């Protein structure tokens, strides 16, 4: 697929995705994405995003909890 920002051909990679669902934030590791080698833009298939939502809504293993600060500029 071509990146919509710079027309470079994307490559398939496993990435860490920050994902928001039902007002909560999650960090999901090992997610397949198409990644632009030029600008780093990521593209996810709808079935991948649906699978993440389904996993998070059901029983799932939590590797660890993170303490995150929220700031405003």
PDB file of N, CA and C in Angstrom:
ATOM      1  N   UNK A   1       0.842  -1.160   0.000  1.00  0.00           N
ATOM      2  CA  UNK A   1       0.000   0.000   0.000  1.00  0.00           C
ATOM      3  C   UNK A   1       0.892   1.228   0.000  1.00  0.00           C
ATOM      4  N   UNK A   2       0.365   2.334  -0.480  1.00  0.00           N
ATOM      5  CA  UNK A   2       1.120   3.568  -0.530  1.00  0.00           C
ATOM      6  C   UNK A   2       0.704   4.501   0.604  1.00  0.00           C
ATOM      7  N   UNK A   3       1.691   5.151   1.204  1.00  0.00           N
ATOM      8  CA  UNK A   3       1.425   6.124   2.261  1.00  0.00           C
ATOM      9  C   UNK A   3       0.695   7.320   1.650  1.00  0.00           C
ATOM     10  N   UNK A   4      -0.352   7.757   2.306  1.00  0.00           N
ATOM     11  CA  UNK A   4      -1.130   8.883   1.791  1.00  0.00           C
ATOM     12  C   UNK A   4      -0.400  10.212   1.925  1.00  0.00           C
ATOM     13  N   UNK A   5       0.671  10.273   2.707  1.00  0.00           N
ATOM     14  CA  UNK A   5       1.393  11.525   2.905  1.00  0.00           C
ATOM     15  C   UNK A   5       2.565  11.710   1.951  1.00  0.00           C
ATOM     16  N   UNK A   6       3.287  10.633   1.650  1.00  0.00           N
ATOM     17  CA  UNK A   6       4.465  10.801   0.788  1.00  0.00           C
ATOM     18  C   UNK A   6       4.594   9.752  -0.313  1.00  0.00           C
ATOM     19  N   UNK A   7       3.554   8.931  -0.514  1.00  0.00           N
ATOM     20  CA  UNK A   7       3.507   7.933  -1.597  1.00  0.00           C
ATOM     21  C   UNK A   7       4.567   6.847  -1.507  1.00  0.00           C
ATOM     22  N   UNK A   8       5.233   6.701  -0.366  1.00  0.00           N
ATOM     23  CA  UNK A   8       6.194   5.612  -0.200  1.00  0.00           C
ATOM     24  C   UNK A   8       5.425   4.309  -0.002  1.00  0.00           C
ATOM     25  N   UNK A   9       6.015   3.214  -0.394  1.00  0.00           N
ATOM     26  CA  UNK A   9       5.410   1.897  -0.209  1.00  0.00           C
ATOM     27  C   UNK A   9       5.597   1.450   1.235  1.00  0.00           C
ATOM     28  N   UNK A  10       4.493   1.108   1.895  1.00  0.00           N
ATOM     29  CA  UNK A  10       4.551   0.689   3.293  1.00  0.00           C
ATOM     30  C   UNK A  10       5.077  -0.737   3.409  1.00  0.00           C
ATOM     31  N   UNK A  11       5.543  -1.066   4.607  1.00  0.00           N
ATOM     32  CA  UNK A  11       6.028  -2.416   4.896  1.00  0.00           C
ATOM     33  C   UNK A  11       5.268  -2.958   6.106  1.00  0.00           C
ATOM     34  N   UNK A  12       5.086  -4.261   6.155  1.00  0.00           N
ATOM     35  CA  UNK A  12       4.396  -4.896   7.275  1.00  0.00           C
ATOM     36  C   UNK A  12       5.354  -5.021   8.444  1.00  0.00           C
ATOM     37  N   UNK A  13       4.905  -4.548   9.619  1.00  0.00           N
ATOM     38  CA  UNK A  13       5.706  -4.641  10.834  1.00  0.00           C
ATOM     39  C   UNK A  13       4.799  -4.965  12.004  1.00  0.00           C
ATOM     40  N   UNK A  14       5.387  -5.432  13.086  1.00  0.00           N
ATOM     41  CA  UNK A  14       4.706  -5.611  14.367  1.00  0.00           C
ATOM     42  C   UNK A  14       5.065  -4.401  15.218  1.00  0.00           C
ATOM     43  N   UNK A  15       4.057  -3.716  15.728  1.00  0.00           N
ATOM     44  CA  UNK A  15       4.271  -2.467  16.457  1.00  0.00           C
ATOM     45  C   UNK A  15       3.528  -2.490  17.783  1.00  0.00           C
ATOM     46  N   UNK A  16       3.811  -1.496  18.609  1.00  0.00           N
ATOM     47  CA  UNK A  16       3.063  -1.258  19.831  1.00  0.00           C
ATOM     48  C   UNK A  16       2.071  -0.144  19.547  1.00  0.00           C
ATOM     49  N   UNK A  17       0.794  -0.388  19.845  1.00  0.00           N
ATOM     50  CA  UNK A  17      -0.269   0.562  19.529  1.00  0.00           C
ATOM     51  C   UNK A  17      -0.903   1.094  20.802  1.00  0.00           C
ATOM     52  N   UNK A  18      -1.072   2.404  20.869  1.00  0.00           N
ATOM     53  CA  UNK A  18      -1.848   3.028  21.942  1.00  0.00           C
ATOM     54  C   UNK A  18      -3.286   3.019  21.466  1.00  0.00           C
ATOM     55  N   UNK A  19      -4.167   2.431  22.241  1.00  0.00           N
ATOM     56  CA  UNK A  19      -5.532   2.167  21.787  1.00  0.00           C
ATOM     57  C   UNK A  19      -6.530   2.659  22.825  1.00  0.00           C
ATOM     58  N   UNK A  20      -7.519   3.416  22.393  1.00  0.00           N
ATOM     59  CA  UNK A  20      -8.557   3.919  23.301  1.00  0.00           C
ATOM     60  C   UNK A  20      -9.849   3.159  23.044  1.00  0.00           C
ATOM     61  N   UNK A  21     -10.463   2.681  24.123  1.00  0.00           N
ATOM     62  CA  UNK A  21     -11.714   1.937  24.015  1.00  0.00           C
ATOM     63  C   UNK A  21     -12.562   2.244  25.241  1.00  0.00           C
ATOM     64  N   UNK A  22     -13.779   2.664  25.013  1.00  0.00           N
ATOM     65  CA  UNK A  22     -14.732   2.952  26.093  1.00  0.00           C
ATOM     66  C   UNK A  22     -14.144   3.890  27.147  1.00  0.00           C
ATOM     67  N   UNK A  23     -13.422   4.902  26.692  1.00  0.00           N
ATOM     68  CA  UNK A  23     -12.878   5.909  27.607  1.00  0.00           C
ATOM     69  C   UNK A  23     -11.612   5.521  28.338  1.00  0.00           C
ATOM     70  N   UNK A  24     -11.070   4.348  28.052  1.00  0.00           N
ATOM     71  CA  UNK A  24      -9.840   3.895  28.701  1.00  0.00           C
ATOM     72  C   UNK A  24      -8.739   3.758  27.650  1.00  0.00           C
ATOM     73  N   UNK A  25      -7.510   3.972  28.084  1.00  0.00           N
ATOM     74  CA  UNK A  25      -6.349   3.802  27.206  1.00  0.00           C
ATOM     75  C   UNK A  25      -5.666   2.465  27.492  1.00  0.00           C
ATOM     76  N   UNK A  26      -5.199   1.835  26.438  1.00  0.00           N
ATOM     77  CA  UNK A  26      -4.466   0.566  26.523  1.00  0.00           C
ATOM     78  C   UNK A  26      -3.205   0.671  25.669  1.00  0.00           C
ATOM     79  N   UNK A  27      -2.195  -0.061  26.036  1.00  0.00           N
ATOM     80  CA  UNK A  27      -1.002  -0.227  25.212  1.00  0.00           C
ATOM     81  C   UNK A  27      -1.013  -1.678  24.762  1.00  0.00           C
ATOM     82  N   UNK A  28      -1.133  -1.881  23.459  1.00  0.00           N
ATOM     83  CA  UNK A  28      -1.251  -3.226  22.908  1.00  0.00           C
ATOM     84  C   UNK A  28       0.021  -3.522  22.105  1.00  0.00           C
ATOM     85  N   UNK A  29       0.726  -4.554  22.503  1.00  0.00           N
ATOM     86  CA  UNK A  29       1.976  -4.921  21.838  1.00  0.00           C
ATOM     87  C   UNK A  29       1.734  -5.954  20.747  1.00  0.00           C
ATOM     88  N   UNK A  30       2.676  -6.021  19.826  1.00  0.00           N
ATOM     89  CA  UNK A  30       2.703  -7.051  18.787  1.00  0.00           C
ATOM     90  C   UNK A  30       1.518  -6.948  17.823  1.00  0.00           C
ATOM     91  N   UNK A  31       1.175  -5.733  17.415  1.00  0.00           N
ATOM     92  CA  UNK A  31       0.057  -5.488  16.505  1.00  0.00           C
ATOM     93  C   UNK A  31       0.600  -5.337  15.083  1.00  0.00           C
ATOM     94  N   UNK A  32       0.001  -6.050  14.139  1.00  0.00           N
ATOM     95  CA  UNK A  32       0.432  -5.942  12.747  1.00  0.00           C
ATOM     96  C   UNK A  32      -0.069  -4.632  12.146  1.00  0.00           C
ATOM     97  N   UNK A  33       0.838  -3.930  11.469  1.00  0.00           N
ATOM     98  CA  UNK A  33       0.494  -2.673  10.819  1.00  0.00           C
ATOM     99  C   UNK A  33       1.295  -2.521   9.537  1.00  0.00           C
ATOM    100  N   UNK A  34       0.784  -1.699   8.653  1.00  0.00           N
ATOM    101  CA  UNK A  34       1.541  -1.265   7.495  1.00  0.00           C
ATOM    102  C   UNK A  34       2.196   0.044   7.905  1.00  0.00           C
ATOM    103  N   UNK A  35       3.520   0.134   7.797  1.00  0.00           N
ATOM    104  CA  UNK A  35       4.255   1.295   8.285  1.00  0.00           C
ATOM    105  C   UNK A  35       5.036   1.923   7.137  1.00  0.00           C
ATOM    106  N   UNK A  36       4.920   3.247   7.011  1.00  0.00           N
ATOM    107  CA  UNK A  36       5.666   3.972   5.991  1.00  0.00           C
ATOM    108  C   UNK A  36       7.123   4.100   6.425  1.00  0.00           C
ATOM    109  N   UNK A  37       8.068   3.659   5.593  1.00  0.00           N
ATOM    110  CA  UNK A  37       9.476   3.757   5.972  1.00  0.00           C
ATOM    111  C   UNK A  37      10.007   5.193   5.925  1.00  0.00           C
ATOM    112  N   UNK A  38       9.282   6.085   5.265  1.00  0.00           N
ATOM    113  CA  UNK A  38       9.725   7.471   5.148  1.00  0.00           C
ATOM    114  C   UNK A  38       9.274   8.323   6.335  1.00  0.00           C
ATOM    115  N   UNK A  39       7.975   8.306   6.638  1.00  0.00           N
ATOM    116  CA  UNK A  39       7.440   9.199   7.669  1.00  0.00           C
ATOM    117  C   UNK A  39       6.975   8.467   8.928  1.00  0.00           C
ATOM    118  N   UNK A  40       6.854   7.131   8.875  1.00  0.00           N
ATOM    119  CA  UNK A  40       6.450   6.357  10.046  1.00  0.00           C
ATOM    120  C   UNK A  40       4.949   6.231  10.237  1.00  0.00           C
ATOM    121  N   UNK A  41       4.148   6.806   9.335  1.00  0.00           N
ATOM    122  CA  UNK A  41       2.688   6.683   9.445  1.00  0.00           C
ATOM    123  C   UNK A  41       2.307   5.204   9.489  1.00  0.00           C
ATOM    124  N   UNK A  42       1.310   4.882  10.319  1.00  0.00           N
ATOM    125  CA  UNK A  42       0.871   3.498  10.475  1.00  0.00           C
ATOM    126  C   UNK A  42      -0.548   3.340   9.962  1.00  0.00           C
ATOM    127  N   UNK A  43      -0.797   2.193   9.337  1.00  0.00           N
ATOM    128  CA  UNK A  43      -2.124   1.849   8.835  1.00  0.00           C
ATOM    129  C   UNK A  43      -2.477   0.471   9.374  1.00  0.00           C
ATOM    130  N   UNK A  44      -3.708   0.361   9.912  1.00  0.00           N
ATOM    131  CA  UNK A  44      -4.178  -0.889  10.505  1.00  0.00           C
ATOM    132  C   UNK A  44      -5.386  -1.381   9.723  1.00  0.00           C
ATOM    133  N   UNK A  45      -5.468  -2.690   9.525  1.00  0.00           N
ATOM    134  CA  UNK A  45      -6.654  -3.260   8.896  1.00  0.00           C
ATOM    135  C   UNK A  45      -7.806  -3.222   9.891  1.00  0.00           C
ATOM    136  N   UNK A  46      -9.012  -3.033   9.368  1.00  0.00           N
ATOM    137  CA  UNK A  46     -10.202  -2.972  10.222  1.00  0.00           C
ATOM    138  C   UNK A  46     -10.340  -4.242  11.049  1.00  0.00           C
ATOM    139  N   UNK A  47     -10.028  -5.395  10.462  1.00  0.00           N
ATOM    140  CA  UNK A  47     -10.164  -6.642  11.216  1.00  0.00           C
ATOM    141  C   UNK A  47      -9.175  -6.696  12.380  1.00  0.00           C
ATOM    142  N   UNK A  48      -8.035  -6.059  12.248  1.00  0.00           N
ATOM    143  CA  UNK A  48      -7.066  -5.995  13.346  1.00  0.00           C
ATOM    144  C   UNK A  48      -7.610  -5.138  14.479  1.00  0.00           C
ATOM    145  N   UNK A  49      -8.175  -3.978  14.144  1.00  0.00           N
ATOM    146  CA  UNK A  49      -8.746  -3.095  15.164  1.00  0.00           C
ATOM    147  C   UNK A  49      -9.950  -3.736  15.842  1.00  0.00           C
ATOM    148  N   UNK A  50     -10.775  -4.436  15.077  1.00  0.00           N
ATOM    149  CA  UNK A  50     -11.921  -5.149  15.649  1.00  0.00           C
ATOM    150  C   UNK A  50     -11.457  -6.249  16.604  1.00  0.00           C
ATOM    151  N   UNK A  51     -10.378  -6.941  16.239  1.00  0.00           N
ATOM    152  CA  UNK A  51      -9.845  -8.008  17.097  1.00  0.00           C
ATOM    153  C   UNK A  51      -9.310  -7.430  18.409  1.00  0.00           C
ATOM    154  N   UNK A  52      -8.676  -6.261  18.348  1.00  0.00           N
ATOM    155  CA  UNK A  52      -8.185  -5.611  19.565  1.00  0.00           C
ATOM    156  C   UNK A  52      -9.366  -5.251  20.471  1.00  0.00           C
ATOM    157  N   UNK A  53     -10.404  -4.638  19.889  1.00  0.00           N
ATOM    158  CA  UNK A  53     -11.590  -4.275  20.675  1.00  0.00           C
ATOM    159  C   UNK A  53     -12.212  -5.500  21.340  1.00  0.00           C
ATOM    160  N   UNK A  54     -12.350  -6.579  20.579  1.00  0.00           N
ATOM    161  CA  UNK A  54     -12.963  -7.800  21.117  1.00  0.00           C
ATOM    162  C   UNK A  54     -12.115  -8.369  22.249  1.00  0.00           C
ATOM    163  N   UNK A  55     -10.801  -8.365  22.072  1.00  0.00           N
ATOM    164  CA  UNK A  55      -9.916  -8.882  23.105  1.00  0.00           C
ATOM    165  C   UNK A  55     -10.036  -8.054  24.376  1.00  0.00           C
ATOM    166  N   UNK A  56     -10.033  -6.738  24.241  1.00  0.00           N
ATOM    167  CA  UNK A  56     -10.074  -5.865  25.415  1.00  0.00           C
ATOM    168  C   UNK A  56     -11.419  -5.893  26.124  1.00  0.00           C
ATOM    169  N   UNK A  57     -12.485  -6.153  25.397  1.00  0.00           N
ATOM    170  CA  UNK A  57     -13.813  -6.225  26.025  1.00  0.00           C
ATOM    171  C   UNK A  57     -14.017  -7.546  26.764  1.00  0.00           C
ATOM    172  N   UNK A  58     -13.241  -8.558  26.417  1.00  0.00           N
ATOM    173  CA  UNK A  58     -13.338  -9.856  27.073  1.00  0.00           C
ATOM    174  C   UNK A  58     -12.261 -10.015  28.129  1.00  0.00           C
ATOM    175  N   UNK A  59     -12.110 -11.222  28.615  1.00  0.00           N
ATOM    176  CA  UNK A  59     -11.048 -11.528  29.560  1.00  0.00           C
ATOM    177  C   UNK A  59      -9.716 -11.480  28.820  1.00  0.00           C
ATOM    178  N   UNK A  60      -8.756 -10.783  29.381  1.00  0.00           N
ATOM    179  CA  UNK A  60      -7.442 -10.703  28.746  1.00  0.00           C
ATOM    180  C   UNK A  60      -6.361 -10.591  29.819  1.00  0.00           C
ATOM    181  N   UNK A  61      -5.192 -11.052  29.492  1.00  0.00           N
ATOM    182  CA  UNK A  61      -4.060 -11.016  30.400  1.00  0.00           C
ATOM    183  C   UNK A  61      -3.421  -9.634  30.360  1.00  0.00           C
ATOM    184  N   UNK A  62      -3.154  -9.078  31.522  1.00  0.00           N
ATOM    185  CA  UNK A  62      -2.482  -7.790  31.631  1.00  0.00           C
ATOM    186  C   UNK A  62      -1.021  -8.054  31.998  1.00  0.00           C
ATOM    187  N   UNK A  63      -0.088  -7.621  31.137  1.00  0.00           N
ATOM    188  CA  UNK A  63       1.337  -7.830  31.398  1.00  0.00           C
ATOM    189  C   UNK A  63       1.842  -6.948  32.521  1.00  0.00           C
ATOM    190  N   UNK A  64       1.400  -5.692  32.533  1.00  0.00           N
ATOM    191  CA  UNK A  64       1.797  -4.758  33.582  1.00  0.00           C
ATOM    192  C   UNK A  64       0.913  -3.514  33.499  1.00  0.00           C
ATOM    193  N   UNK A  65       0.919  -2.739  34.551  1.00  0.00           N
ATOM    194  CA  UNK A  65       0.189  -1.471  34.599  1.00  0.00           C
ATOM    195  C   UNK A  65       1.214  -0.339  34.511  1.00  0.00           C
ATOM    196  N   UNK A  66       0.827   0.735  33.835  1.00  0.00           N
ATOM    197  CA  UNK A  66       1.709   1.895  33.697  1.00  0.00           C
ATOM    198  C   UNK A  66       1.091   3.090  34.399  1.00  0.00           C
ATOM    199  N   UNK A  67       1.951   3.908  34.999  1.00  0.00           N
ATOM    200  CA  UNK A  67       1.530   5.166  35.599  1.00  0.00           C
ATOM    201  C   UNK A  67       1.861   6.251  34.571  1.00  0.00           C
ATOM    202  N   UNK A  68       0.840   6.946  34.066  1.00  0.00           N
ATOM    203  CA  UNK A  68       1.036   7.913  32.994  1.00  0.00           C
ATOM    204  C   UNK A  68       0.573   9.289  33.448  1.00  0.00           C
ATOM    205  N   UNK A  69       1.405  10.292  33.226  1.00  0.00           N
ATOM    206  CA  UNK A  69       1.030  11.668  33.525  1.00  0.00           C
ATOM    207  C   UNK A  69       0.315  12.283  32.330  1.00  0.00           C
ATOM    208  N   UNK A  70      -0.707  13.077  32.603  1.00  0.00           N
ATOM    209  CA  UNK A  70      -1.414  13.814  31.570  1.00  0.00           C
ATOM    210  C   UNK A  70      -1.155  15.289  31.813  1.00  0.00           C
ATOM    211  N   UNK A  71      -0.618  15.978  30.819  1.00  0.00           N
ATOM    212  CA  UNK A  71      -0.287  17.398  30.961  1.00  0.00           C
ATOM    213  C   UNK A  71      -0.927  18.183  29.821  1.00  0.00           C
ATOM    214  N   UNK A  72      -0.977  19.468  29.970  1.00  0.00           N
ATOM    215  CA  UNK A  72      -1.545  20.332  28.934  1.00  0.00           C
ATOM    216  C   UNK A  72      -0.523  21.391  28.578  1.00  0.00           C
ATOM    217  N   UNK A  73      -0.454  21.746  27.327  1.00  0.00           N
ATOM    218  CA  UNK A  73       0.496  22.756  26.849  1.00  0.00           C
ATOM    219  C   UNK A  73      -0.183  24.098  26.745  1.00  0.00           C
TER     220      UNK A  73
END
